[in-house]
């Protein structure tokens, strides 16, 4: 037979109150510390896809010929001789045989023309100057980037005799003249940049 002790009718003494208070304090402390020590892991349940494997671009079919181009000009000419006057414009040309999107090199020459701002494509004002890249000069301009085969061109303002020019805003255009005599391929639009000495900041 199991005997259950009847509750005491006497109020708890001071010692019991202290013990109960201490026990409650420890329990509260453990509850307070509990969330700070809990590590929660959240998973969306969706696996992140692996990046695509890099692939070589499809080759341009044999016999394809350049019929379009991209002409990119650096927004700020370079002061290569450190005299405070920019003297070198950096440009990149990419040739395509559309509709194929893989760039290619083709024998011929690249001609970059510089006009006073607003006078390119007008057939009324001759260019200030032109830079022609052909033969070994064009071969040395070849490079391969993540885009593919391209040409890096350096347009030297010192070819005009000085980099201290009496104008500041110019337009640039470029064309590719195929070696087989086909019509020249023109860049789309005009590239406008500022040359000349810039005010100190």
C-alpha atoms as a PDB file:
ATOM      1  CA  UNK A   1       0.000   0.000   0.000  1.00  0.00           C
ATOM      2  CA  UNK A   2       1.243   3.443  -0.862  1.00  0.00           C
ATOM      3  CA  UNK A   3       0.977   6.121   1.756  1.00  0.00           C
ATOM      4  CA  UNK A   4       0.742   9.793   0.797  1.00  0.00           C
ATOM      5  CA  UNK A   5       1.861  12.327   3.307  1.00  0.00           C
ATOM      6  CA  UNK A   6      -0.693  14.948   4.116  1.00  0.00           C
ATOM      7  CA  UNK A   7       0.341  18.499   3.510  1.00  0.00           C
ATOM      8  CA  UNK A   8       1.632  20.243   6.566  1.00  0.00           C
ATOM      9  CA  UNK A   9      -0.648  22.749   8.114  1.00  0.00           C
ATOM     10  CA  UNK A  10       2.296  24.736   9.398  1.00  0.00           C
ATOM     11  CA  UNK A  11       3.601  27.621   7.253  1.00  0.00           C
ATOM     12  CA  UNK A  12       7.023  27.031   5.733  1.00  0.00           C
ATOM     13  CA  UNK A  13       9.934  28.225   7.720  1.00  0.00           C
ATOM     14  CA  UNK A  14      12.525  30.784   6.581  1.00  0.00           C
ATOM     15  CA  UNK A  15      14.902  28.050   5.406  1.00  0.00           C
ATOM     16  CA  UNK A  16      12.289  26.626   3.033  1.00  0.00           C
ATOM     17  CA  UNK A  17      11.505  30.065   1.598  1.00  0.00           C
ATOM     18  CA  UNK A  18      15.181  30.701   0.873  1.00  0.00           C
ATOM     19  CA  UNK A  19      15.548  27.331  -0.835  1.00  0.00           C
ATOM     20  CA  UNK A  20      12.471  27.916  -2.977  1.00  0.00           C
ATOM     21  CA  UNK A  21      13.637  31.396  -3.928  1.00  0.00           C
ATOM     22  CA  UNK A  22      17.053  30.084  -4.937  1.00  0.00           C
ATOM     23  CA  UNK A  23      15.497  27.325  -7.042  1.00  0.00           C
ATOM     24  CA  UNK A  24      13.216  29.765  -8.836  1.00  0.00           C
ATOM     25  CA  UNK A  25      16.146  32.090  -9.492  1.00  0.00           C
ATOM     26  CA  UNK A  26      18.180  29.305 -11.114  1.00  0.00           C
ATOM     27  CA  UNK A  27      15.218  28.245 -13.245  1.00  0.00           C
ATOM     28  CA  UNK A  28      14.632  31.810 -14.434  1.00  0.00           C
ATOM     29  CA  UNK A  29      18.325  32.221 -15.225  1.00  0.00           C
ATOM     30  CA  UNK A  30      18.360  29.007 -17.258  1.00  0.00           C
ATOM     31  CA  UNK A  31      15.284  30.126 -19.175  1.00  0.00           C
ATOM     32  CA  UNK A  32      16.921  33.473 -19.902  1.00  0.00           C
ATOM     33  CA  UNK A  33      20.141  31.863 -21.102  1.00  0.00           C
ATOM     34  CA  UNK A  34      18.408  29.180 -23.104  1.00  0.00           C
ATOM     35  CA  UNK A  35      17.545  31.198 -26.266  1.00  0.00           C
ATOM     36  CA  UNK A  36      21.026  32.724 -26.375  1.00  0.00           C
ATOM     37  CA  UNK A  37      22.593  29.280 -26.635  1.00  0.00           C
ATOM     38  CA  UNK A  38      20.181  27.902 -29.214  1.00  0.00           C
ATOM     39  CA  UNK A  39      21.418  27.492 -32.818  1.00  0.00           C
ATOM     40  CA  UNK A  40      18.707  27.647 -35.420  1.00  0.00           C
ATOM     41  CA  UNK A  41      19.291  26.257 -38.909  1.00  0.00           C
ATOM     42  CA  UNK A  42      17.045  27.542 -41.679  1.00  0.00           C
ATOM     43  CA  UNK A  43      16.833  25.698 -44.962  1.00  0.00           C
ATOM     44  CA  UNK A  44      14.722  26.713 -47.900  1.00  0.00           C
ATOM     45  CA  UNK A  45      14.668  23.208 -49.245  1.00  0.00           C
ATOM     46  CA  UNK A  46      15.721  24.480 -52.703  1.00  0.00           C
ATOM     47  CA  UNK A  47      19.185  23.526 -53.956  1.00  0.00           C
ATOM     48  CA  UNK A  48      21.214  26.308 -55.612  1.00  0.00           C
ATOM     49  CA  UNK A  49      21.972  25.360 -59.227  1.00  0.00           C
ATOM     50  CA  UNK A  50      25.586  24.837 -60.186  1.00  0.00           C
ATOM     51  CA  UNK A  51      27.106  27.496 -62.481  1.00  0.00           C
ATOM     52  CA  UNK A  52      27.141  26.626 -66.135  1.00  0.00           C
ATOM     53  CA  UNK A  53      30.308  25.095 -67.518  1.00  0.00           C
ATOM     54  CA  UNK A  54      32.268  27.580 -69.654  1.00  0.00           C
ATOM     55  CA  UNK A  55      32.096  26.691 -73.306  1.00  0.00           C
ATOM     56  CA  UNK A  56      34.013  27.859 -76.329  1.00  0.00           C
ATOM     57  CA  UNK A  57      31.938  30.060 -78.645  1.00  0.00           C
ATOM     58  CA  UNK A  58      30.728  28.392 -81.824  1.00  0.00           C
ATOM     59  CA  UNK A  59      33.179  28.871 -84.700  1.00  0.00           C
ATOM     60  CA  UNK A  60      32.333  31.165 -87.564  1.00  0.00           C
ATOM     61  CA  UNK A  61      31.625  29.106 -90.701  1.00  0.00           C
ATOM     62  CA  UNK A  62      34.279  29.116 -93.380  1.00  0.00           C
ATOM     63  CA  UNK A  63      33.644  31.799 -95.934  1.00  0.00           C
ATOM     64  CA  UNK A  64      31.819  34.138 -93.537  1.00  0.00           C
ATOM     65  CA  UNK A  65      32.886  37.742 -94.022  1.00  0.00           C
ATOM     66  CA  UNK A  66      32.776  40.785 -91.759  1.00  0.00           C
ATOM     67  CA  UNK A  67      29.599  42.841 -92.183  1.00  0.00           C
ATOM     68  CA  UNK A  68      29.263  44.618 -88.812  1.00  0.00           C
ATOM     69  CA  UNK A  69      31.499  46.011 -86.115  1.00  0.00           C
ATOM     70  CA  UNK A  70      31.541  47.372 -82.568  1.00  0.00           C
ATOM     71  CA  UNK A  71      33.679  50.451 -81.868  1.00  0.00           C
ATOM     72  CA  UNK A  72      34.295  51.297 -78.201  1.00  0.00           C
ATOM     73  CA  UNK A  73      36.292  54.346 -77.124  1.00  0.00           C
ATOM     74  CA  UNK A  74      37.667  55.042 -73.668  1.00  0.00           C
ATOM     75  CA  UNK A  75      35.864  57.970 -72.052  1.00  0.00           C
ATOM     76  CA  UNK A  76      39.066  59.616 -70.827  1.00  0.00           C
ATOM     77  CA  UNK A  77      42.229  59.979 -72.964  1.00  0.00           C
ATOM     78  CA  UNK A  78      45.555  59.041 -71.376  1.00  0.00           C
ATOM     79  CA  UNK A  79      48.387  61.442 -70.549  1.00  0.00           C
ATOM     80  CA  UNK A  80      51.212  59.072 -71.450  1.00  0.00           C
ATOM     81  CA  UNK A  81      54.059  61.610 -71.187  1.00  0.00           C
ATOM     82  CA  UNK A  82      52.917  63.202 -67.915  1.00  0.00           C
ATOM     83  CA  UNK A  83      52.842  66.800 -69.171  1.00  0.00           C
ATOM     84  CA  UNK A  84      49.255  67.391 -68.048  1.00  0.00           C
ATOM     85  CA  UNK A  85      47.787  67.130 -71.559  1.00  0.00           C
ATOM     86  CA  UNK A  86      46.088  63.872 -72.650  1.00  0.00           C
ATOM     87  CA  UNK A  87      47.708  62.508 -75.794  1.00  0.00           C
ATOM     88  CA  UNK A  88      46.418  58.969 -76.332  1.00  0.00           C
ATOM     89  CA  UNK A  89      42.884  57.717 -76.998  1.00  0.00           C
ATOM     90  CA  UNK A  90      42.325  54.025 -76.367  1.00  0.00           C
ATOM     91  CA  UNK A  91      39.764  52.190 -78.479  1.00  0.00           C
ATOM     92  CA  UNK A  92      38.598  48.627 -79.083  1.00  0.00           C
ATOM     93  CA  UNK A  93      37.181  47.230 -82.318  1.00  0.00           C
ATOM     94  CA  UNK A  94      35.269  43.957 -82.619  1.00  0.00           C
ATOM     95  CA  UNK A  95      34.341  42.581 -86.043  1.00  0.00           C
ATOM     96  CA  UNK A  96      31.415  40.247 -86.709  1.00  0.00           C
ATOM     97  CA  UNK A  97      29.995  38.265 -89.592  1.00  0.00           C
ATOM     98  CA  UNK A  98      26.317  38.610 -88.690  1.00  0.00           C
ATOM     99  CA  UNK A  99      24.194  36.697 -87.863  1.00  0.00           C
ATOM    100  CA  UNK A 100      27.069  34.833 -86.222  1.00  0.00           C
ATOM    101  CA  UNK A 101      27.902  36.294 -82.810  1.00  0.00           C
ATOM    102  CA  UNK A 102      31.481  35.069 -82.541  1.00  0.00           C
ATOM    103  CA  UNK A 103      34.039  37.845 -83.270  1.00  0.00           C
ATOM    104  CA  UNK A 104      36.655  37.237 -85.924  1.00  0.00           C
ATOM    105  CA  UNK A 105      39.735  38.749 -87.495  1.00  0.00           C
ATOM    106  CA  UNK A 106      39.848  39.397 -91.215  1.00  0.00           C
ATOM    107  CA  UNK A 107      42.542  40.834 -93.502  1.00  0.00           C
ATOM    108  CA  UNK A 108      42.008  44.490 -94.305  1.00  0.00           C
ATOM    109  CA  UNK A 109      42.500  47.761 -92.512  1.00  0.00           C
ATOM    110  CA  UNK A 110      40.841  49.833 -89.810  1.00  0.00           C
ATOM    111  CA  UNK A 111      40.540  53.588 -90.240  1.00  0.00           C
ATOM    112  CA  UNK A 112      39.604  55.808 -87.275  1.00  0.00           C
ATOM    113  CA  UNK A 113      38.611  59.400 -88.027  1.00  0.00           C
ATOM    114  CA  UNK A 114      38.383  62.334 -85.617  1.00  0.00           C
ATOM    115  CA  UNK A 115      36.108  65.341 -86.253  1.00  0.00           C
ATOM    116  CA  UNK A 116      35.169  68.460 -84.381  1.00  0.00           C
ATOM    117  CA  UNK A 117      32.105  67.684 -82.304  1.00  0.00           C
ATOM    118  CA  UNK A 118      28.947  67.654 -84.413  1.00  0.00           C
ATOM    119  CA  UNK A 119      30.723  67.374 -87.770  1.00  0.00           C
ATOM    120  CA  UNK A 120      31.063  63.617 -88.216  1.00  0.00           C
ATOM    121  CA  UNK A 121      28.871  61.969 -90.859  1.00  0.00           C
ATOM    122  CA  UNK A 122      28.092  65.295 -92.518  1.00  0.00           C
ATOM    123  CA  UNK A 123      30.334  64.970 -95.626  1.00  0.00           C
ATOM    124  CA  UNK A 124      30.904  68.729 -95.354  1.00  0.00           C
ATOM    125  CA  UNK A 125      33.844  68.940 -92.971  1.00  0.00           C
ATOM    126  CA  UNK A 126      36.956  66.818 -93.463  1.00  0.00           C
ATOM    127  CA  UNK A 127      38.292  64.960 -90.429  1.00  0.00           C
ATOM    128  CA  UNK A 128      40.867  66.644 -88.224  1.00  0.00           C
ATOM    129  CA  UNK A 129      42.984  63.527 -88.628  1.00  0.00           C
ATOM    130  CA  UNK A 130      42.765  59.810 -89.356  1.00  0.00           C
ATOM    131  CA  UNK A 131      44.612  56.811 -87.991  1.00  0.00           C
ATOM    132  CA  UNK A 132      45.054  53.776 -90.254  1.00  0.00           C
ATOM    133  CA  UNK A 133      45.928  50.301 -88.978  1.00  0.00           C
ATOM    134  CA  UNK A 134      46.897  47.685 -91.535  1.00  0.00           C
ATOM    135  CA  UNK A 135      49.475  44.979 -92.179  1.00  0.00           C
ATOM    136  CA  UNK A 136      51.819  44.399 -89.234  1.00  0.00           C
ATOM    137  CA  UNK A 137      50.308  47.330 -87.352  1.00  0.00           C
ATOM    138  CA  UNK A 138      46.891  45.693 -87.437  1.00  0.00           C
ATOM    139  CA  UNK A 139      48.370  42.298 -86.526  1.00  0.00           C
ATOM    140  CA  UNK A 140      50.002  43.802 -83.430  1.00  0.00           C
ATOM    141  CA  UNK A 141      46.628  45.225 -82.404  1.00  0.00           C
ATOM    142  CA  UNK A 142      45.050  41.767 -82.195  1.00  0.00           C
ATOM    143  CA  UNK A 143      44.183  40.346 -78.797  1.00  0.00           C
ATOM    144  CA  UNK A 144      41.795  37.773 -77.364  1.00  0.00           C
ATOM    145  CA  UNK A 145      39.506  38.571 -74.443  1.00  0.00           C
ATOM    146  CA  UNK A 146      36.495  36.896 -72.849  1.00  0.00           C
ATOM    147  CA  UNK A 147      34.478  38.394 -75.686  1.00  0.00           C
ATOM    148  CA  UNK A 148      36.701  36.763 -78.287  1.00  0.00           C
ATOM    149  CA  UNK A 149      38.956  38.157 -81.015  1.00  0.00           C
ATOM    150  CA  UNK A 150      39.330  41.930 -80.900  1.00  0.00           C
ATOM    151  CA  UNK A 151      41.654  44.801 -81.819  1.00  0.00           C
ATOM    152  CA  UNK A 152      43.158  47.247 -79.320  1.00  0.00           C
ATOM    153  CA  UNK A 153      43.856  50.585 -81.012  1.00  0.00           C
ATOM    154  CA  UNK A 154      45.842  53.529 -79.633  1.00  0.00           C
ATOM    155  CA  UNK A 155      45.065  56.845 -81.305  1.00  0.00           C
ATOM    156  CA  UNK A 156      48.038  59.148 -80.705  1.00  0.00           C
ATOM    157  CA  UNK A 157      47.172  62.849 -80.613  1.00  0.00           C
ATOM    158  CA  UNK A 158      50.879  63.650 -80.894  1.00  0.00           C
ATOM    159  CA  UNK A 159      50.548  62.640 -84.537  1.00  0.00           C
ATOM    160  CA  UNK A 160      48.980  66.098 -84.947  1.00  0.00           C
ATOM    161  CA  UNK A 161      52.279  67.659 -83.873  1.00  0.00           C
ATOM    162  CA  UNK A 162      51.239  68.486 -80.306  1.00  0.00           C
ATOM    163  CA  UNK A 163      48.824  67.367 -77.605  1.00  0.00           C
ATOM    164  CA  UNK A 164      48.019  71.040 -76.790  1.00  0.00           C
ATOM    165  CA  UNK A 165      45.138  71.321 -79.212  1.00  0.00           C
ATOM    166  CA  UNK A 166      42.873  74.370 -79.604  1.00  0.00           C
ATOM    167  CA  UNK A 167      39.658  72.343 -79.228  1.00  0.00           C
ATOM    168  CA  UNK A 168      38.230  70.151 -76.518  1.00  0.00           C
ATOM    169  CA  UNK A 169      35.253  68.103 -77.766  1.00  0.00           C
ATOM    170  CA  UNK A 170      35.588  65.697 -80.680  1.00  0.00           C
ATOM    171  CA  UNK A 171      33.674  62.934 -82.432  1.00  0.00           C
ATOM    172  CA  UNK A 172      35.245  59.636 -83.464  1.00  0.00           C
ATOM    173  CA  UNK A 173      34.081  57.089 -86.032  1.00  0.00           C
ATOM    174  CA  UNK A 174      35.713  53.958 -87.428  1.00  0.00           C
ATOM    175  CA  UNK A 175      35.412  51.803 -90.511  1.00  0.00           C
ATOM    176  CA  UNK A 176      36.791  48.448 -91.635  1.00  0.00           C
ATOM    177  CA  UNK A 177      37.981  48.158 -95.223  1.00  0.00           C
ATOM    178  CA  UNK A 178      38.163  44.478 -96.270  1.00  0.00           C
ATOM    179  CA  UNK A 179      41.269  43.403 -98.168  1.00  0.00           C
ATOM    180  CA  UNK A 180      39.170  41.725-100.877  1.00  0.00           C
ATOM    181  CA  UNK A 181      37.692  45.035-102.007  1.00  0.00           C
ATOM    182  CA  UNK A 182      34.209  44.646-100.534  1.00  0.00           C
ATOM    183  CA  UNK A 183      32.478  47.860 -99.383  1.00  0.00           C
ATOM    184  CA  UNK A 184      33.725  49.274 -96.097  1.00  0.00           C
ATOM    185  CA  UNK A 185      31.913  48.334 -92.885  1.00  0.00           C
ATOM    186  CA  UNK A 186      31.060  51.409 -90.811  1.00  0.00           C
ATOM    187  CA  UNK A 187      30.586  51.595 -87.063  1.00  0.00           C
ATOM    188  CA  UNK A 188      27.134  52.533 -85.836  1.00  0.00           C
ATOM    189  CA  UNK A 189      26.789  56.031 -84.385  1.00  0.00           C
ATOM    190  CA  UNK A 190      29.449  58.485 -83.247  1.00  0.00           C
ATOM    191  CA  UNK A 191      31.716  58.342 -80.203  1.00  0.00           C
ATOM    192  CA  UNK A 192      32.006  61.759 -78.519  1.00  0.00           C
ATOM    193  CA  UNK A 193      34.769  62.458 -76.011  1.00  0.00           C
ATOM    194  CA  UNK A 194      36.587  65.384 -74.455  1.00  0.00           C
ATOM    195  CA  UNK A 195      40.274  65.906 -75.049  1.00  0.00           C
ATOM    196  CA  UNK A 196      42.615  68.692 -73.970  1.00  0.00           C
ATOM    197  CA  UNK A 197      43.781  69.709 -70.519  1.00  0.00           C
ATOM    198  CA  UNK A 198      41.258  69.330 -67.707  1.00  0.00           C
ATOM    199  CA  UNK A 199      40.860  71.771 -64.849  1.00  0.00           C
ATOM    200  CA  UNK A 200      42.510  70.673 -61.614  1.00  0.00           C
ATOM    201  CA  UNK A 201      40.114  69.326 -58.994  1.00  0.00           C
END
